[in-house]
Amino acid sequence: NVEGGCIKNLVNHIRLLDQSLAKSRGRGMFQWIQKQQDDDDQLVLTAQQLDANKRFGILSHGTQSDPIFNYGNIASLELFEQT
């Protein structure tokens, strides 16, 4: 989660991830997630909701030659059994 990771500004980091995915794939994270959600799911609309989401795993890494993970939301941490 953010407190234990390298990310200092969650909202800005999620915004950058969303923009990067939109630029490379034509659809940002929030758009992609909303297309995957069921009608009775609570929509994921904010960085805080995405950070706490247990259905959709989000990971990011740095730009090093051997990239180091710098962020994982709750779902991804649970998938990798980390806290």
N, C-alpha and C. Protein backbone atom coordinates (compact mmCIF):
# COMPACT_ATOMS: atom_id res chain seq x y z
N ASN A 1 0.84 -1.17 0.00
CA ASN A 1 0.00 0.00 0.00
C ASN A 1 0.87 1.22 0.00
N VAL A 2 0.33 2.36 -0.14
CA VAL A 2 1.10 3.58 -0.37
C VAL A 2 2.07 3.87 0.76
N GLU A 3 1.65 3.69 2.01
CA GLU A 3 2.52 4.02 3.13
C GLU A 3 3.83 3.23 3.09
N GLY A 4 3.78 2.00 2.61
CA GLY A 4 4.98 1.18 2.60
C GLY A 4 5.74 1.22 1.30
N GLY A 5 5.19 1.90 0.29
CA GLY A 5 5.81 1.93 -1.03
C GLY A 5 6.59 3.20 -1.28
N CYS A 6 6.90 3.43 -2.53
CA CYS A 6 7.69 4.58 -2.93
C CYS A 6 6.84 5.74 -3.41
N ILE A 7 5.54 5.58 -3.49
CA ILE A 7 4.66 6.60 -4.04
C ILE A 7 4.33 7.61 -2.96
N LYS A 8 4.58 8.88 -3.26
CA LYS A 8 4.31 9.95 -2.29
C LYS A 8 2.94 10.58 -2.51
N ASN A 9 2.44 10.57 -3.74
CA ASN A 9 1.17 11.21 -4.06
C ASN A 9 0.32 10.21 -4.85
N LEU A 10 -0.56 9.51 -4.15
CA LEU A 10 -1.37 8.45 -4.76
C LEU A 10 -2.21 8.98 -5.92
N VAL A 11 -2.90 10.10 -5.71
CA VAL A 11 -3.79 10.63 -6.75
C VAL A 11 -3.00 10.94 -8.02
N ASN A 12 -1.86 11.59 -7.88
CA ASN A 12 -1.04 11.92 -9.04
C ASN A 12 -0.51 10.66 -9.72
N HIS A 13 -0.06 9.70 -8.95
CA HIS A 13 0.49 8.47 -9.52
C HIS A 13 -0.58 7.70 -10.30
N ILE A 14 -1.76 7.57 -9.74
CA ILE A 14 -2.85 6.88 -10.45
C ILE A 14 -3.24 7.64 -11.71
N ARG A 15 -3.24 8.97 -11.62
CA ARG A 15 -3.54 9.79 -12.81
C ARG A 15 -2.53 9.53 -13.92
N LEU A 16 -1.24 9.46 -13.56
CA LEU A 16 -0.20 9.19 -14.55
C LEU A 16 -0.35 7.78 -15.15
N LEU A 17 -0.66 6.80 -14.32
CA LEU A 17 -0.88 5.44 -14.82
C LEU A 17 -2.08 5.40 -15.77
N ASP A 18 -3.15 6.08 -15.40
CA ASP A 18 -4.35 6.14 -16.22
C ASP A 18 -4.04 6.79 -17.57
N GLN A 19 -3.33 7.90 -17.56
CA GLN A 19 -2.98 8.60 -18.80
C GLN A 19 -2.05 7.77 -19.67
N SER A 20 -1.11 7.09 -19.05
CA SER A 20 -0.17 6.25 -19.80
C SER A 20 -0.90 5.11 -20.51
N LEU A 21 -1.80 4.46 -19.80
CA LEU A 21 -2.56 3.37 -20.41
C LEU A 21 -3.46 3.90 -21.53
N ALA A 22 -4.08 5.04 -21.31
CA ALA A 22 -4.94 5.64 -22.34
C ALA A 22 -4.13 5.97 -23.59
N LYS A 23 -2.92 6.48 -23.39
CA LYS A 23 -2.07 6.84 -24.53
C LYS A 23 -1.61 5.60 -25.30
N SER A 24 -1.25 4.54 -24.58
CA SER A 24 -0.72 3.35 -25.25
C SER A 24 -1.80 2.39 -25.74
N ARG A 25 -2.97 2.38 -25.10
CA ARG A 25 -4.00 1.40 -25.43
C ARG A 25 -5.34 2.01 -25.85
N GLY A 26 -5.45 3.33 -25.78
CA GLY A 26 -6.68 3.98 -26.20
C GLY A 26 -7.77 4.03 -25.15
N ARG A 27 -7.50 3.48 -23.99
CA ARG A 27 -8.48 3.48 -22.90
C ARG A 27 -7.71 3.47 -21.59
N GLY A 28 -8.07 4.38 -20.67
CA GLY A 28 -7.41 4.45 -19.37
C GLY A 28 -7.89 3.36 -18.43
N MET A 29 -7.25 3.28 -17.27
CA MET A 29 -7.60 2.25 -16.28
C MET A 29 -9.05 2.34 -15.84
N PHE A 30 -9.49 3.54 -15.53
CA PHE A 30 -10.86 3.70 -15.04
C PHE A 30 -11.87 3.28 -16.11
N GLN A 31 -11.63 3.64 -17.37
CA GLN A 31 -12.52 3.21 -18.45
C GLN A 31 -12.49 1.70 -18.60
N TRP A 32 -11.31 1.12 -18.54
CA TRP A 32 -11.18 -0.33 -18.71
C TRP A 32 -11.91 -1.06 -17.58
N ILE A 33 -11.68 -0.61 -16.35
CA ILE A 33 -12.31 -1.25 -15.19
C ILE A 33 -13.83 -1.13 -15.27
N GLN A 34 -14.33 0.05 -15.62
CA GLN A 34 -15.78 0.24 -15.70
C GLN A 34 -16.42 -0.69 -16.73
N LYS A 35 -15.71 -0.98 -17.83
CA LYS A 35 -16.23 -1.92 -18.82
C LYS A 35 -16.27 -3.34 -18.28
N GLN A 36 -15.40 -3.67 -17.32
CA GLN A 36 -15.32 -5.02 -16.76
C GLN A 36 -16.28 -5.23 -15.58
N GLN A 37 -16.76 -4.15 -15.00
CA GLN A 37 -17.59 -4.26 -13.80
C GLN A 37 -19.00 -4.73 -14.13
N ASP A 38 -19.57 -5.45 -13.19
CA ASP A 38 -20.96 -5.87 -13.29
C ASP A 38 -21.87 -4.71 -12.93
N ASP A 39 -23.13 -4.79 -13.33
CA ASP A 39 -24.09 -3.72 -13.06
C ASP A 39 -24.25 -3.43 -11.57
N ASP A 40 -24.10 -4.45 -10.72
CA ASP A 40 -24.29 -4.23 -9.28
C ASP A 40 -23.00 -3.87 -8.55
N ASP A 41 -21.87 -3.80 -9.25
CA ASP A 41 -20.61 -3.38 -8.65
C ASP A 41 -20.60 -1.88 -8.40
N GLN A 42 -19.96 -1.45 -7.32
CA GLN A 42 -19.75 -0.02 -7.10
C GLN A 42 -18.70 0.45 -8.09
N LEU A 43 -19.00 1.51 -8.83
CA LEU A 43 -18.05 2.02 -9.81
C LEU A 43 -16.77 2.48 -9.13
N VAL A 44 -15.64 2.21 -9.77
CA VAL A 44 -14.34 2.68 -9.31
C VAL A 44 -14.07 3.99 -10.04
N LEU A 45 -14.14 5.09 -9.31
CA LEU A 45 -14.04 6.41 -9.93
C LEU A 45 -12.88 7.26 -9.41
N THR A 46 -12.26 6.85 -8.28
CA THR A 46 -11.21 7.67 -7.68
C THR A 46 -9.95 6.83 -7.42
N ALA A 47 -8.85 7.52 -7.22
CA ALA A 47 -7.60 6.84 -6.91
C ALA A 47 -7.71 6.05 -5.62
N GLN A 48 -8.41 6.61 -4.63
CA GLN A 48 -8.56 5.93 -3.35
C GLN A 48 -9.38 4.65 -3.51
N GLN A 49 -10.43 4.69 -4.33
CA GLN A 49 -11.23 3.49 -4.58
C GLN A 49 -10.39 2.44 -5.30
N LEU A 50 -9.58 2.86 -6.26
CA LEU A 50 -8.73 1.92 -6.99
C LEU A 50 -7.68 1.31 -6.07
N ASP A 51 -7.12 2.11 -5.18
CA ASP A 51 -6.11 1.63 -4.24
C ASP A 51 -6.69 0.55 -3.32
N ALA A 52 -7.94 0.71 -2.91
CA ALA A 52 -8.58 -0.22 -1.98
C ALA A 52 -9.32 -1.36 -2.68
N ASN A 53 -9.38 -1.33 -4.00
CA ASN A 53 -10.16 -2.32 -4.75
C ASN A 53 -9.55 -3.70 -4.64
N LYS A 54 -10.39 -4.70 -4.36
CA LYS A 54 -9.90 -6.07 -4.21
C LYS A 54 -10.15 -6.94 -5.44
N ARG A 55 -10.76 -6.37 -6.48
CA ARG A 55 -11.05 -7.16 -7.69
C ARG A 55 -10.02 -6.93 -8.80
N PHE A 56 -9.59 -5.68 -8.98
CA PHE A 56 -8.72 -5.33 -10.08
C PHE A 56 -7.32 -5.01 -9.56
N GLY A 57 -6.35 -5.84 -9.90
CA GLY A 57 -4.97 -5.62 -9.45
C GLY A 57 -4.26 -4.60 -10.31
N ILE A 58 -3.60 -3.66 -9.67
CA ILE A 58 -2.83 -2.62 -10.36
C ILE A 58 -1.41 -2.62 -9.80
N LEU A 59 -0.44 -2.74 -10.68
CA LEU A 59 0.97 -2.66 -10.31
C LEU A 59 1.64 -1.62 -11.19
N SER A 60 2.66 -0.98 -10.66
CA SER A 60 3.50 -0.13 -11.50
C SER A 60 4.95 -0.34 -11.09
N HIS A 61 5.82 0.05 -12.01
CA HIS A 61 7.26 -0.11 -11.76
C HIS A 61 8.00 1.08 -12.32
N GLY A 62 9.24 1.22 -11.89
CA GLY A 62 10.10 2.30 -12.35
C GLY A 62 10.62 2.03 -13.75
N THR A 63 11.50 2.90 -14.20
CA THR A 63 12.04 2.81 -15.56
C THR A 63 13.48 2.27 -15.58
N GLN A 64 13.91 1.66 -14.48
CA GLN A 64 15.26 1.11 -14.40
C GLN A 64 15.43 -0.01 -15.45
N SER A 65 16.67 -0.35 -15.79
CA SER A 65 16.90 -1.44 -16.75
C SER A 65 16.35 -2.77 -16.21
N ASP A 66 16.38 -2.94 -14.91
CA ASP A 66 15.71 -4.06 -14.24
C ASP A 66 14.64 -3.44 -13.35
N PRO A 67 13.44 -3.21 -13.90
CA PRO A 67 12.42 -2.41 -13.20
C PRO A 67 12.08 -2.93 -11.80
N ILE A 68 11.87 -1.99 -10.91
CA ILE A 68 11.50 -2.27 -9.53
C ILE A 68 10.06 -1.80 -9.33
N PHE A 69 9.22 -2.69 -8.78
CA PHE A 69 7.84 -2.32 -8.50
C PHE A 69 7.82 -1.18 -7.50
N ASN A 70 6.99 -0.16 -7.77
CA ASN A 70 6.89 0.96 -6.85
C ASN A 70 5.48 1.18 -6.32
N TYR A 71 4.51 0.43 -6.83
CA TYR A 71 3.13 0.57 -6.35
C TYR A 71 2.35 -0.70 -6.63
N GLY A 72 1.52 -1.07 -5.68
CA GLY A 72 0.55 -2.14 -5.86
C GLY A 72 -0.67 -1.84 -5.02
N ASN A 73 -1.85 -1.97 -5.62
CA ASN A 73 -3.06 -1.76 -4.83
C ASN A 73 -3.35 -3.01 -4.00
N ILE A 74 -4.42 -2.97 -3.22
CA ILE A 74 -4.76 -4.08 -2.31
C ILE A 74 -4.89 -5.40 -3.06
N ALA A 75 -5.57 -5.38 -4.20
CA ALA A 75 -5.77 -6.63 -4.96
C ALA A 75 -4.43 -7.24 -5.38
N SER A 76 -3.53 -6.42 -5.90
CA SER A 76 -2.25 -6.96 -6.35
C SER A 76 -1.40 -7.44 -5.17
N LEU A 77 -1.44 -6.71 -4.05
CA LEU A 77 -0.69 -7.16 -2.87
C LEU A 77 -1.22 -8.49 -2.36
N GLU A 78 -2.53 -8.66 -2.37
CA GLU A 78 -3.11 -9.94 -1.93
C GLU A 78 -2.74 -11.05 -2.90
N LEU A 79 -2.73 -10.76 -4.20
CA LEU A 79 -2.34 -11.77 -5.18
C LEU A 79 -0.90 -12.24 -4.97
N PHE A 80 -0.04 -11.30 -4.60
CA PHE A 80 1.36 -11.63 -4.35
C PHE A 80 1.62 -11.93 -2.88
N GLU A 81 0.57 -11.97 -2.08
CA GLU A 81 0.65 -12.26 -0.65
C GLU A 81 1.63 -11.36 0.08
N GLN A 82 1.53 -10.06 -0.18
CA GLN A 82 2.37 -9.06 0.48
C GLN A 82 1.47 -8.13 1.28
N THR A 83 2.06 -7.43 2.22
CA THR A 83 1.31 -6.40 2.97
C THR A 83 2.16 -5.17 3.12
